[in-house]
Protein backbone atom coordinates (compact mmCIF):
# COMPACT_ATOMS: atom_id res chain seq x y z
CA MET A 1 -20.89 -50.87 -1.24
CA SER A 2 -19.62 -54.01 -2.74
CA SER A 3 -19.08 -52.61 -6.07
CA LEU A 4 -17.17 -49.80 -4.31
CA CYS A 5 -15.31 -52.34 -2.53
CA SER A 6 -14.48 -54.80 -5.23
CA HIS A 7 -12.87 -51.73 -7.46
CA VAL A 8 -10.56 -51.16 -4.20
CA ASN A 9 -9.60 -54.67 -3.88
CA HIS A 10 -8.96 -54.36 -7.75
CA TYR A 11 -5.53 -52.80 -6.88
CA SER A 12 -2.65 -54.40 -4.66
CA ARG A 13 -1.36 -51.79 -2.05
CA ARG A 14 1.84 -51.24 -4.56
CA GLU A 15 -0.23 -50.65 -7.70
CA PHE A 16 -2.13 -48.58 -5.83
CA LEU A 17 0.63 -46.58 -4.21
CA ALA A 18 2.26 -46.55 -7.59
CA LYS A 19 -1.12 -44.57 -8.83
CA ALA A 20 -1.09 -42.38 -6.34
CA GLY A 21 2.72 -41.50 -6.77
CA LEU A 22 2.06 -40.51 -10.58
CA GLY A 23 -0.86 -38.17 -9.36
CA ILE A 24 1.19 -36.64 -6.38
CA GLY A 25 4.28 -36.38 -8.78
CA GLY A 26 2.38 -34.54 -11.59
CA MET A 27 0.95 -32.04 -9.07
CA ALA A 28 4.61 -31.57 -7.75
CA LEU A 29 6.05 -31.04 -11.20
CA ALA A 30 2.90 -28.74 -11.90
CA GLY A 31 4.07 -26.35 -9.42
CA LEU A 32 7.82 -26.49 -10.38
CA ILE A 33 6.95 -25.38 -14.25
CA ASN A 34 4.35 -22.92 -12.83
CA PRO A 35 3.99 -22.52 -9.10
CA THR A 36 1.61 -19.56 -9.27
CA THR A 37 -0.91 -21.27 -11.37
CA SER A 38 -0.95 -24.93 -9.06
CA ILE A 39 -1.31 -22.90 -6.10
CA ALA A 40 -3.99 -20.40 -7.64
CA GLN A 41 -5.70 -23.41 -9.08
CA SER A 42 -6.19 -24.95 -5.61
CA GLY A 43 -8.15 -22.39 -4.52
CA SER A 44 -6.84 -22.13 -0.95
CA GLY A 45 -3.74 -19.66 0.10
CA ASN A 46 -1.38 -20.16 2.38
CA GLY A 47 -2.37 -17.90 4.78
CA VAL A 48 -3.70 -18.49 8.06
CA LEU A 49 -7.67 -17.92 6.79
CA GLY A 50 -6.73 -20.96 4.24
CA GLY A 51 -8.37 -18.26 1.70
CA PRO A 52 -10.25 -15.53 1.20
CA HIS A 53 -13.69 -15.05 3.34
CA PHE A 54 -15.29 -14.91 -0.08
CA LEU A 55 -14.83 -13.67 -4.04
CA PRO A 56 -12.37 -11.13 -4.05
CA LYS A 57 -12.03 -8.13 -6.31
CA ALA A 58 -8.26 -7.52 -6.02
CA LYS A 59 -5.86 -10.12 -5.89
CA ARG A 60 -2.91 -7.69 -5.06
CA VAL A 61 -2.55 -3.56 -3.66
CA ILE A 62 -0.23 -1.20 -4.60
CA TYR A 63 -0.15 1.46 -1.91
CA LEU A 64 1.52 4.48 -3.02
CA PHE A 65 1.66 6.56 0.67
CA GLN A 66 2.61 10.15 0.11
CA SER A 67 3.88 11.23 3.15
CA GLY A 68 3.60 14.46 4.63
CA GLY A 69 0.10 15.10 3.92
CA PRO A 70 -0.91 16.20 0.65
CA SER A 71 -3.12 19.73 0.16
CA GLN A 72 -6.15 18.76 -0.93
CA PHE A 73 -6.83 22.32 -1.82
CA GLU A 74 -4.08 22.14 -4.45
CA LEU A 75 -4.40 18.84 -6.33
CA PHE A 76 -8.27 17.19 -5.95
CA ASP A 77 -10.65 19.45 -3.59
CA TYR A 78 -11.95 22.75 -5.66
CA LYS A 79 -12.95 25.28 -3.53
CA PRO A 80 -13.97 28.26 -5.16
CA GLU A 81 -15.87 30.20 -2.26
CA LEU A 82 -12.40 29.62 -0.27
CA ILE A 83 -10.91 31.31 -3.30
CA LYS A 84 -12.91 34.47 -3.07
CA ARG A 85 -12.61 34.75 0.58
CA THR A 86 -8.78 34.55 0.32
CA GLY A 87 -7.34 36.65 3.14
CA GLU A 88 -10.33 36.68 5.15
CA GLU A 89 -10.26 35.15 8.81
CA LEU A 90 -11.88 31.70 9.28
CA PRO A 91 -14.99 32.28 11.30
CA ASP A 92 -15.54 30.62 14.62
CA SER A 93 -18.41 29.07 13.60
CA VAL A 94 -16.61 26.99 11.21
CA ARG A 95 -13.57 26.08 12.96
CA GLN A 96 -15.78 25.44 16.04
CA GLY A 97 -13.14 24.80 18.07
CA GLN A 98 -11.31 22.12 16.75
CA ARG A 99 -7.61 21.57 17.82
CA LEU A 100 -4.72 23.25 16.29
CA THR A 101 -1.37 22.19 16.28
CA GLY A 102 1.40 23.99 18.08
CA MET A 103 2.45 25.42 14.73
CA SER A 104 -0.24 27.60 14.57
CA GLY A 105 -2.47 27.59 17.60
CA GLY A 106 -0.60 30.64 18.69
CA GLN A 107 -1.48 32.50 15.72
CA LYS A 108 -3.47 35.56 16.43
CA SER A 109 -5.12 35.60 13.10
CA LEU A 110 -6.13 32.71 11.26
CA PRO A 111 -6.49 34.17 7.60
CA MET A 112 -7.87 31.89 4.91
CA ILE A 113 -6.24 31.09 1.47
CA GLY A 114 -7.64 29.53 -1.56
CA SER A 115 -5.50 27.57 -3.79
CA ARG A 116 -3.57 29.75 -6.43
CA PHE A 117 -3.76 26.75 -9.33
CA GLY A 118 -6.41 26.28 -11.75
CA PHE A 119 -8.44 23.01 -11.69
CA GLU A 120 -10.22 21.68 -14.88
CA ARG A 121 -12.91 19.27 -15.24
CA ARG A 122 -11.27 15.90 -16.92
CA GLY A 123 -12.45 12.91 -18.52
CA LYS A 124 -16.03 11.92 -19.22
CA SER A 125 -16.84 11.93 -15.61
CA GLY A 126 -15.71 15.72 -15.24
CA LEU A 127 -13.64 15.07 -11.91
CA TYR A 128 -12.01 18.04 -10.88
CA VAL A 129 -8.53 17.82 -11.08
CA SER A 130 -5.40 20.26 -10.39
CA GLU A 131 -3.78 21.99 -13.13
CA LEU A 132 -0.03 20.86 -11.29
CA LEU A 133 -1.49 16.95 -12.08
CA PRO A 134 -2.15 17.07 -15.65
CA HIS A 135 -1.20 13.39 -16.20
CA ILE A 136 -3.36 12.38 -13.44
CA GLY A 137 -5.96 14.15 -15.02
CA SER A 138 -5.69 12.10 -17.78
CA ILE A 139 -6.87 8.99 -16.22
CA SER A 140 -9.44 10.94 -13.78
CA ASP A 141 -11.93 7.89 -15.67
CA GLU A 142 -9.86 5.39 -13.98
CA ILE A 143 -9.97 6.95 -10.64
CA CYS A 144 -12.70 7.38 -7.14
CA VAL A 145 -11.57 10.42 -5.32
CA ILE A 146 -12.56 10.12 -1.87
CA LYS A 147 -13.16 13.76 -0.76
CA SER A 148 -14.34 13.49 2.59
CA MET A 149 -11.34 11.19 4.72
CA TYR A 150 -10.72 11.80 8.46
CA THR A 151 -8.65 11.02 10.95
CA GLU A 152 -7.65 11.64 14.68
CA ALA A 153 -4.22 12.08 14.49
CA ILE A 154 -2.79 15.85 13.81
CA ASN A 155 0.81 14.95 13.83
CA HIS A 156 2.87 13.03 11.34
CA ASP A 157 4.45 10.15 13.27
CA PRO A 158 0.77 8.70 15.03
CA ALA A 159 -1.28 9.77 11.92
CA ILE A 160 0.94 7.28 9.69
CA THR A 161 1.21 4.81 12.09
CA PHE A 162 -2.64 5.12 12.57
CA PHE A 163 -2.77 4.38 8.87
CA GLN A 164 -0.61 1.77 8.24
CA THR A 165 -1.14 -0.22 11.54
CA GLY A 166 -4.79 1.03 13.02
CA SER A 167 -3.22 2.73 16.21
CA GLN A 168 -1.32 6.06 16.71
CA GLN A 169 0.63 3.94 19.20
CA ALA A 170 3.65 1.97 17.68
CA GLY A 171 3.80 -2.03 17.76
CA ARG A 172 0.96 -3.27 15.64
CA PRO A 173 1.42 -4.96 12.76
CA SER A 174 0.74 -2.77 9.43
CA ILE A 175 -1.34 -3.27 6.67
CA GLY A 176 0.58 -5.35 4.54
CA SER A 177 1.58 -7.86 7.13
CA TRP A 178 -1.88 -8.50 7.61
CA VAL A 179 -2.83 -9.44 4.51
CA SER A 180 0.25 -11.14 4.39
CA TYR A 181 -0.63 -13.31 7.75
CA GLY A 182 -4.15 -13.71 6.48
CA LEU A 183 -3.85 -14.29 2.55
CA GLY A 184 -0.09 -15.51 1.86
CA SER A 185 0.96 -15.48 -1.26
CA GLU A 186 1.07 -17.06 -5.00
CA ASN A 187 4.54 -16.14 -5.43
CA GLU A 188 7.17 -18.46 -3.51
CA ASN A 189 10.23 -16.72 -4.34
CA LEU A 190 9.06 -12.97 -3.46
CA PRO A 191 7.94 -11.91 0.30
CA ALA A 192 4.07 -11.45 0.44
CA PHE A 193 4.71 -7.83 1.60
CA CYS A 194 7.38 -5.12 0.04
CA VAL A 195 8.54 -1.90 0.38
CA LEU A 196 10.07 0.84 -1.20
CA VAL A 197 10.99 4.04 -0.55
CA SER A 198 11.66 7.56 -2.32
CA THR A 199 12.73 11.23 -1.13
CA GLY A 200 10.61 13.88 -3.17
CA ARG A 201 11.77 16.97 -1.33
CA ALA A 202 14.89 17.66 1.14
CA GLY A 203 14.11 17.88 4.45
CA ALA A 204 11.34 15.42 4.33
CA GLN A 205 9.78 14.15 7.58
CA PRO A 206 11.72 10.81 8.25
CA VAL A 207 9.41 7.11 7.69
CA TYR A 208 10.39 4.78 10.05
CA GLY A 209 11.00 0.49 9.41
CA ARG A 210 8.10 -0.31 11.98
CA LEU A 211 5.78 1.35 9.41
CA TRP A 212 5.87 -1.70 7.87
CA GLY A 213 6.88 -4.29 10.83
CA ASN A 214 5.11 -7.07 12.04
CA GLY A 215 4.11 -6.13 15.45
CA PHE A 216 2.84 -9.23 17.26
CA LEU A 217 2.83 -11.40 14.30
CA PRO A 218 5.09 -14.08 13.57
CA SER A 219 8.11 -12.24 11.86
CA VAL A 220 7.84 -13.59 8.53
CA HIS A 221 5.01 -11.17 7.67
CA GLN A 222 7.25 -8.05 8.13
CA GLY A 223 7.73 -6.52 4.84
CA VAL A 224 10.94 -6.44 3.19
CA GLN A 225 12.43 -3.05 2.01
CA PHE A 226 14.07 -3.11 -1.13
CA ARG A 227 16.54 -0.50 -1.98
CA SER A 228 18.13 1.28 -5.22
CA GLY A 229 21.60 0.06 -5.53
CA LYS A 230 23.46 -3.21 -5.94
CA ASP A 231 22.08 -4.76 -3.10
CA PRO A 232 18.45 -4.05 -3.19
CA VAL A 233 18.00 -6.25 -0.29
CA LEU A 234 20.39 -5.81 2.56
CA TYR A 235 22.20 -9.43 3.36
CA LEU A 236 20.91 -11.39 0.44
CA ASN A 237 24.28 -11.97 -1.12
CA ASP A 238 26.53 -14.76 -0.34
CA PRO A 239 29.78 -13.55 1.55
CA PRO A 240 32.63 -13.90 -0.65
CA GLY A 241 34.05 -16.90 -1.18
CA VAL A 242 30.48 -18.78 -0.70
CA ASP A 243 28.94 -20.06 -3.45
CA ARG A 244 24.99 -21.49 -3.57
CA ALA A 245 26.06 -25.19 -3.13
CA ASP A 246 27.56 -24.30 0.15
CA ARG A 247 24.26 -21.82 1.06
CA SER A 248 22.40 -24.68 0.30
CA LYS A 249 24.40 -26.88 2.61
CA TYR A 250 24.48 -24.61 5.09
CA MET A 251 20.27 -23.80 4.95
CA GLN A 252 19.74 -27.73 5.29
CA HIS A 253 21.85 -28.08 8.21
CA LEU A 254 20.35 -24.73 9.98
CA LYS A 255 16.92 -26.26 9.12
CA GLU A 256 17.90 -29.13 10.92
CA MET A 257 19.49 -27.59 13.76
CA TYR A 258 16.11 -25.09 14.03
CA GLU A 259 13.86 -28.23 13.97
CA HIS A 260 15.50 -29.72 16.77
CA THR A 261 15.83 -26.90 19.09
CA PHE A 262 12.15 -26.86 18.18
CA ASP A 263 11.34 -30.41 19.42
CA SER A 264 12.66 -29.28 23.12
CA ASN A 265 11.13 -25.38 22.85
CA PRO A 266 8.10 -25.48 20.45
CA ASP A 267 7.83 -21.74 19.63
CA GLU A 268 6.28 -20.89 16.32
CA GLU A 269 8.69 -17.81 16.09
CA ILE A 270 11.31 -20.72 15.13
CA HIS A 271 8.98 -21.89 12.24
CA SER A 272 9.03 -17.94 11.27
CA LYS A 273 13.02 -17.96 11.53
CA ILE A 274 13.24 -21.16 9.03
CA ALA A 275 10.99 -19.74 6.54
CA GLN A 276 12.78 -16.44 6.46
CA TYR A 277 16.03 -18.14 5.82
CA GLU A 278 14.22 -19.99 2.81
CA MET A 279 12.71 -17.03 1.14
CA ALA A 280 15.96 -15.45 1.40
CA TYR A 281 18.07 -18.40 -0.46
CA ARG A 282 15.15 -17.85 -2.87
CA MET A 283 15.50 -14.45 -3.15
CA GLN A 284 19.21 -14.54 -4.46
CA THR A 285 17.57 -15.38 -8.14
CA SER A 286 13.97 -13.87 -7.99
CA VAL A 287 15.02 -10.19 -7.03
CA PRO A 288 18.43 -9.13 -9.06
CA GLU A 289 15.56 -10.38 -11.88
CA THR A 290 12.89 -8.07 -10.32
CA MET A 291 14.88 -5.18 -10.02
CA ASP A 292 16.21 -5.35 -13.44
CA ILE A 293 14.73 -2.89 -14.96
CA SER A 294 17.20 -2.65 -18.22
CA GLY A 295 14.89 -4.59 -20.66
CA GLU A 296 11.77 -2.66 -20.37
CA PRO A 297 11.10 -1.12 -23.48
CA GLU A 298 11.63 2.40 -24.18
CA HIS A 299 7.79 3.34 -24.77
CA VAL A 300 7.05 1.85 -21.58
CA LEU A 301 9.62 3.91 -19.81
CA ASP A 302 8.27 7.32 -21.31
CA MET A 303 5.50 6.38 -19.83
CA TYR A 304 6.61 6.92 -16.42
CA GLY A 305 8.57 10.13 -17.24
CA PRO A 306 12.25 11.18 -17.23
CA ASP A 307 12.93 10.42 -13.62
CA VAL A 308 12.52 6.76 -14.19
CA ARG A 309 15.86 6.50 -15.56
CA ILE A 310 17.53 7.73 -12.12
CA PRO A 311 17.52 4.87 -9.42
CA GLY A 312 15.70 5.67 -6.20
CA THR A 313 13.34 7.76 -7.78
CA TYR A 314 9.46 7.59 -7.13
CA ALA A 315 9.29 6.80 -10.86
CA VAL A 316 11.64 3.75 -10.83
CA ASN A 317 9.42 2.68 -7.45
CA CYS A 318 6.40 2.69 -9.52
CA LEU A 319 7.81 0.80 -12.48
CA LEU A 320 9.25 -1.78 -9.76
CA ALA A 321 5.74 -1.94 -8.26
CA ARG A 322 4.41 -3.05 -11.56
CA ARG A 323 6.90 -5.40 -12.01
CA LEU A 324 6.39 -6.96 -8.37
CA ALA A 325 2.40 -6.82 -9.29
CA GLU A 326 3.38 -8.82 -12.44
CA ARG A 327 4.95 -11.52 -10.32
CA ASN A 328 1.61 -11.41 -7.73
CA VAL A 329 3.26 -9.99 -4.79
CA PRO A 330 -0.21 -9.27 -2.73
CA PHE A 331 0.87 -6.48 -0.89
CA ILE A 332 3.15 -3.29 -2.38
CA GLN A 333 4.11 -0.48 -0.70
CA LEU A 334 5.95 2.92 -1.48
CA TYR A 335 6.42 5.78 0.65
CA HIS A 336 7.40 8.96 -0.89
CA ARG A 337 8.58 11.67 1.57
CA GLY A 338 8.13 15.50 1.20
CA TRP A 339 4.42 16.50 1.21
CA ASP A 340 4.83 19.00 5.00
CA GLN A 341 4.35 22.03 3.05
CA HIS A 342 4.08 24.85 6.33
CA GLY A 343 5.63 27.41 3.84
CA ASN A 344 6.61 27.96 0.81
CA LEU A 345 3.83 25.89 -0.44
CA PRO A 346 3.13 27.10 -3.74
CA ASN A 347 6.54 26.32 -5.03
CA ASP A 348 7.12 22.84 -2.76
CA ILE A 349 4.38 21.62 -3.94
CA GLN A 350 4.74 22.16 -7.69
CA SER A 351 8.20 20.34 -7.22
CA MET A 352 6.13 17.19 -5.43
CA ALA A 353 3.31 17.34 -8.24
CA ARG A 354 6.30 17.09 -11.17
CA GLY A 355 8.23 14.24 -9.57
CA THR A 356 4.90 12.15 -8.98
CA ASP A 357 2.45 13.00 -11.45
CA GLN A 358 3.48 11.24 -14.52
CA PRO A 359 4.89 8.10 -12.88
CA THR A 360 1.13 7.79 -11.15
CA ALA A 361 -0.44 7.97 -14.33
CA GLY A 362 2.11 5.70 -15.91
CA LEU A 363 1.41 3.12 -13.05
CA ILE A 364 -2.43 3.15 -13.82
CA MET A 365 -2.06 2.88 -17.57
CA ASP A 366 0.78 0.50 -17.77
CA LEU A 367 -0.93 -2.02 -15.54
CA LYS A 368 -4.27 -1.38 -17.27
CA GLN A 369 -2.90 -2.17 -21.04
CA ARG A 370 -0.95 -5.68 -18.88
CA GLY A 371 -4.69 -6.45 -18.03
CA LEU A 372 -3.61 -6.12 -14.38
CA LEU A 373 -5.93 -2.93 -13.27
CA ASP A 374 -8.90 -5.32 -13.57
CA ASP A 375 -7.76 -6.99 -10.15
CA THR A 376 -4.96 -4.72 -8.71
CA LEU A 377 -6.20 -2.35 -6.60
CA VAL A 378 -3.83 1.17 -6.20
CA ILE A 379 -4.32 3.75 -3.41
CA TRP A 380 -2.68 7.40 -3.21
CA GLY A 381 -3.02 9.32 -0.11
CA GLY A 382 -0.94 10.48 2.48
CA GLU A 383 -1.65 10.38 6.54
CA PHE A 384 -3.94 13.96 6.87
CA GLY A 385 -4.86 16.94 4.88
CA ARG A 386 -3.93 20.55 5.12
CA THR A 387 -5.70 23.97 6.62
CA SER A 388 -7.86 25.77 5.02
CA TYR A 389 -6.40 29.37 6.52
CA SER A 390 -2.35 30.11 5.91
CA GLN A 391 0.14 29.24 8.53
CA GLY A 392 1.80 31.98 8.52
CA GLN A 393 1.31 35.24 6.77
CA ILE A 394 0.02 35.19 3.24
CA THR A 395 2.35 37.04 0.85
CA LYS A 396 1.90 37.76 -3.27
CA THR A 397 4.57 35.05 -3.57
CA THR A 398 3.67 32.50 -0.74
CA TYR A 399 1.87 30.78 1.90
CA GLY A 400 1.57 27.98 3.81
CA ARG A 401 -0.89 25.29 5.43
CA ASP A 402 -0.65 23.48 8.91
CA HIS A 403 -1.76 20.12 9.46
CA HIS A 404 -5.59 19.10 9.51
CA PRO A 405 -7.13 15.68 10.50
CA LYS A 406 -10.69 16.52 9.86
CA CYS A 407 -10.90 16.14 6.40
CA PHE A 408 -8.54 15.86 3.20
CA SER A 409 -8.79 13.61 -0.08
CA MET A 410 -6.98 10.54 -1.18
CA TRP A 411 -7.89 8.34 -4.02
CA MET A 412 -7.92 4.44 -5.26
CA ALA A 413 -8.09 2.49 -8.90
CA GLY A 414 -8.55 -0.98 -10.30
CA ALA A 415 -10.07 -3.61 -8.56
CA GLY A 416 -13.46 -3.35 -7.41
CA VAL A 417 -13.69 0.46 -7.19
CA LYS A 418 -16.04 2.81 -9.18
CA LYS A 419 -14.06 4.69 -11.77
CA GLY A 420 -14.64 8.36 -12.53
CA PHE A 421 -16.34 8.69 -9.28
CA THR A 422 -16.29 11.41 -6.23
CA TYR A 423 -16.99 10.14 -3.07
CA GLY A 424 -17.96 12.74 -0.30
CA GLU A 425 -17.77 16.45 0.44
CA THR A 426 -16.60 19.26 2.40
CA ASP A 427 -17.78 22.32 3.17
CA GLU A 428 -17.75 25.72 1.06
CA LEU A 429 -13.94 26.61 3.11
CA GLY A 430 -13.01 22.84 2.90
CA TYR A 431 -12.64 22.72 6.69
CA ASN A 432 -15.45 20.42 7.49
CA ILE A 433 -17.01 17.28 6.16
CA ALA A 434 -20.55 18.44 5.02
CA GLU A 435 -21.11 14.37 3.49
CA ASN A 436 -20.02 11.11 3.38
CA PRO A 437 -17.38 10.76 6.38
CA VAL A 438 -14.82 7.81 5.85
CA HIS A 439 -12.55 7.34 8.55
CA VAL A 440 -9.51 5.72 8.25
CA HIS A 441 -10.82 2.26 9.94
CA ASP A 442 -13.80 2.43 7.30
CA PHE A 443 -10.60 2.83 4.34
CA GLN A 444 -8.94 -0.25 5.91
CA ALA A 445 -12.26 -2.58 6.11
CA THR A 446 -13.05 -1.49 2.65
CA LEU A 447 -9.36 -2.65 1.92
CA LEU A 448 -9.72 -6.03 2.94
CA HIS A 449 -13.36 -6.46 1.90
CA LEU A 450 -11.76 -6.15 -1.61
CA MET A 451 -9.14 -8.70 -1.21
CA GLY A 452 -11.75 -10.92 -0.05
CA VAL A 453 -11.34 -10.75 3.70
CA ASP A 454 -14.01 -9.59 6.07
CA HIS A 455 -11.87 -7.12 8.60
CA GLU A 456 -13.74 -8.63 11.45
CA ARG A 457 -12.22 -12.00 11.27
CA LEU A 458 -9.28 -11.45 10.69
CA ASN A 459 -7.78 -11.20 14.25
CA TYR A 460 -4.65 -12.84 16.12
CA LYS A 461 -4.92 -13.37 19.99
CA HIS A 462 -1.95 -11.72 21.70
CA GLN A 463 -1.46 -10.78 25.20
CA GLY A 464 -4.92 -12.42 26.05
CA ARG A 465 -7.18 -10.40 23.50
CA ARG A 466 -7.70 -10.78 19.92
CA TYR A 467 -6.95 -7.73 17.62
CA ARG A 468 -7.29 -7.00 14.56
CA LEU A 469 -6.13 -4.00 11.84
CA THR A 470 -9.34 -2.47 12.62
CA ASP A 471 -9.75 -2.50 16.07
CA VAL A 472 -13.07 -2.18 17.23
CA HIS A 473 -14.55 0.11 14.06
CA GLY A 474 -14.58 0.19 11.26
CA GLN A 475 -17.44 -0.10 8.61
CA VAL A 476 -16.93 -1.50 4.63
CA VAL A 477 -17.70 2.14 2.70
CA LYS A 478 -20.00 -0.09 -0.49
CA SER A 479 -21.15 3.31 -2.25
CA LEU A 480 -17.12 3.07 -3.33
CA LEU A 481 -17.70 -0.37 -4.87
CA ILE A 482 -18.71 -1.58 -8.14
C-alpha cells in the first residue's frame, strides 16, 4: 500500500493531468485516423447492449429480400413426384383443410403442377438448383438452403411485415432497427441500417417505408433508404447559398437549442434528433463517396452482370451492398420486387431469375475474394412460398401458383452457417413440411445469434411491456451453424 501511495505521490497534480492528457489525446487521434479500428479494439459497441452477449460470427448482415414470394418449386425444391403427377387433383389428405387465399379458394379444381424447368446437382455438395439459376448454382458450395421455412401469414403485407418486424401488425421495429439499437455501429459516418430498393417487374407488390421503420425504438435507429440518382438520400445536400461552414454553425446552434429544450423537457427523442442531424452532416461527405461506383474495376463490374451499369437495378444495389459492407455498416437491407406470379409464371420467373441470379452470385464471390464473407451473413428469401397446385388452368404455355405459407425455401451464406448444406424437407408433393420445420421467429433468433445477440435478452419496454423481435417465441436453429 505504501509503495502504491509513493508511486502516486511521485507526480504532481499538474504532471498527472499532463500525462493523462497525452493518453486521452492519443486515443482521440487514433479515433480520427481510423475510427473503425479504435472502436473495434475497445471491445464494446455503442448500442444499448454495450457489445454482443457472446462472440459473434457475423459482424454485418446483407439481407436480399425477394418481395412477392418466389416459387420454391422452380428454384430450389426439386419435386419429381409432383412433376410426374402434374394435372392430378391435389389430394384432400395432403391439403388437410388448410386455408387458401380468396384468389384460389373458389376454384372447383386444384390441379397439381410440377416445374417445367430442369434441376441439376451442383458443386461438391450436390445441392439441387434450378437451371434458372446457373450462377447461384456455381456457388452452391457456399450456401445453406432451408427448405422447411413456414409462417402464419398468407397475404403479402402481413407476411412481409412479419418477416421484417416479428409481427403481422405494423408498428414494431424492423430487424435492422433492433440490430442498430442493440449493437450500434463501428462506422460513425454512415447509418447502422441502410436500405436499397429495386423493381424487378412492372406491377410488382409495393414495399413500404415502415418495413425499415424504428417502431417504438428511438428514431435514430430507423433504416435510411439510399436511392439511385444525384440525391441518394433525400434532403441531405445543403440548399443553394449554404456552404459547409454555414451548415456547421447551424448545426452547433441547433444542438444548443435542443440541449436547452432537453433541460426543461428530458425526452430521449431529443437526443435522437441531435444524433440524426449530426449523422446527416457527416453523411454529406461519406454518402457520395460510397455510392460512386465509377472507380470499380471492370472485372468486378462484370461479376455482377450487365445490369450493374444501369442505376437503380438489383445488380447495382448488390454492388452497393458490398461497398457498405466494406465500410462496416452492420445491417444492409435490399428489397427486390416482382416475385408474385399468380399467372404466366414460367415467363415471369425467368425474367426475375435473369435479373437476380448473376448479381447475387457476384455479391457472394466478391465478398469472398475480399475476405468479407467470413464475417458477413448474406440472406436470400421472400415472405412465403407458392402452392404445388396451379392457380387457374394449366395450359401448354403457362400456369400460375398462389401464396403458400406452410412450407417454402430460403438460403443463407457466409458467417457462421454451414456451406453446401440443405436443412429440412417437404413432402413429395411440396405441400407440407416433412422434417425440421423452421418458423420465422426461429430464423430471426438465429440471425441475432450469429451477430452475438441472445434474442431473449434484447428487448425494449414500451407501454408497460417488454418487447423483442421474436415476441415470446423463437429457437436458434443450431443445426444450421458451424
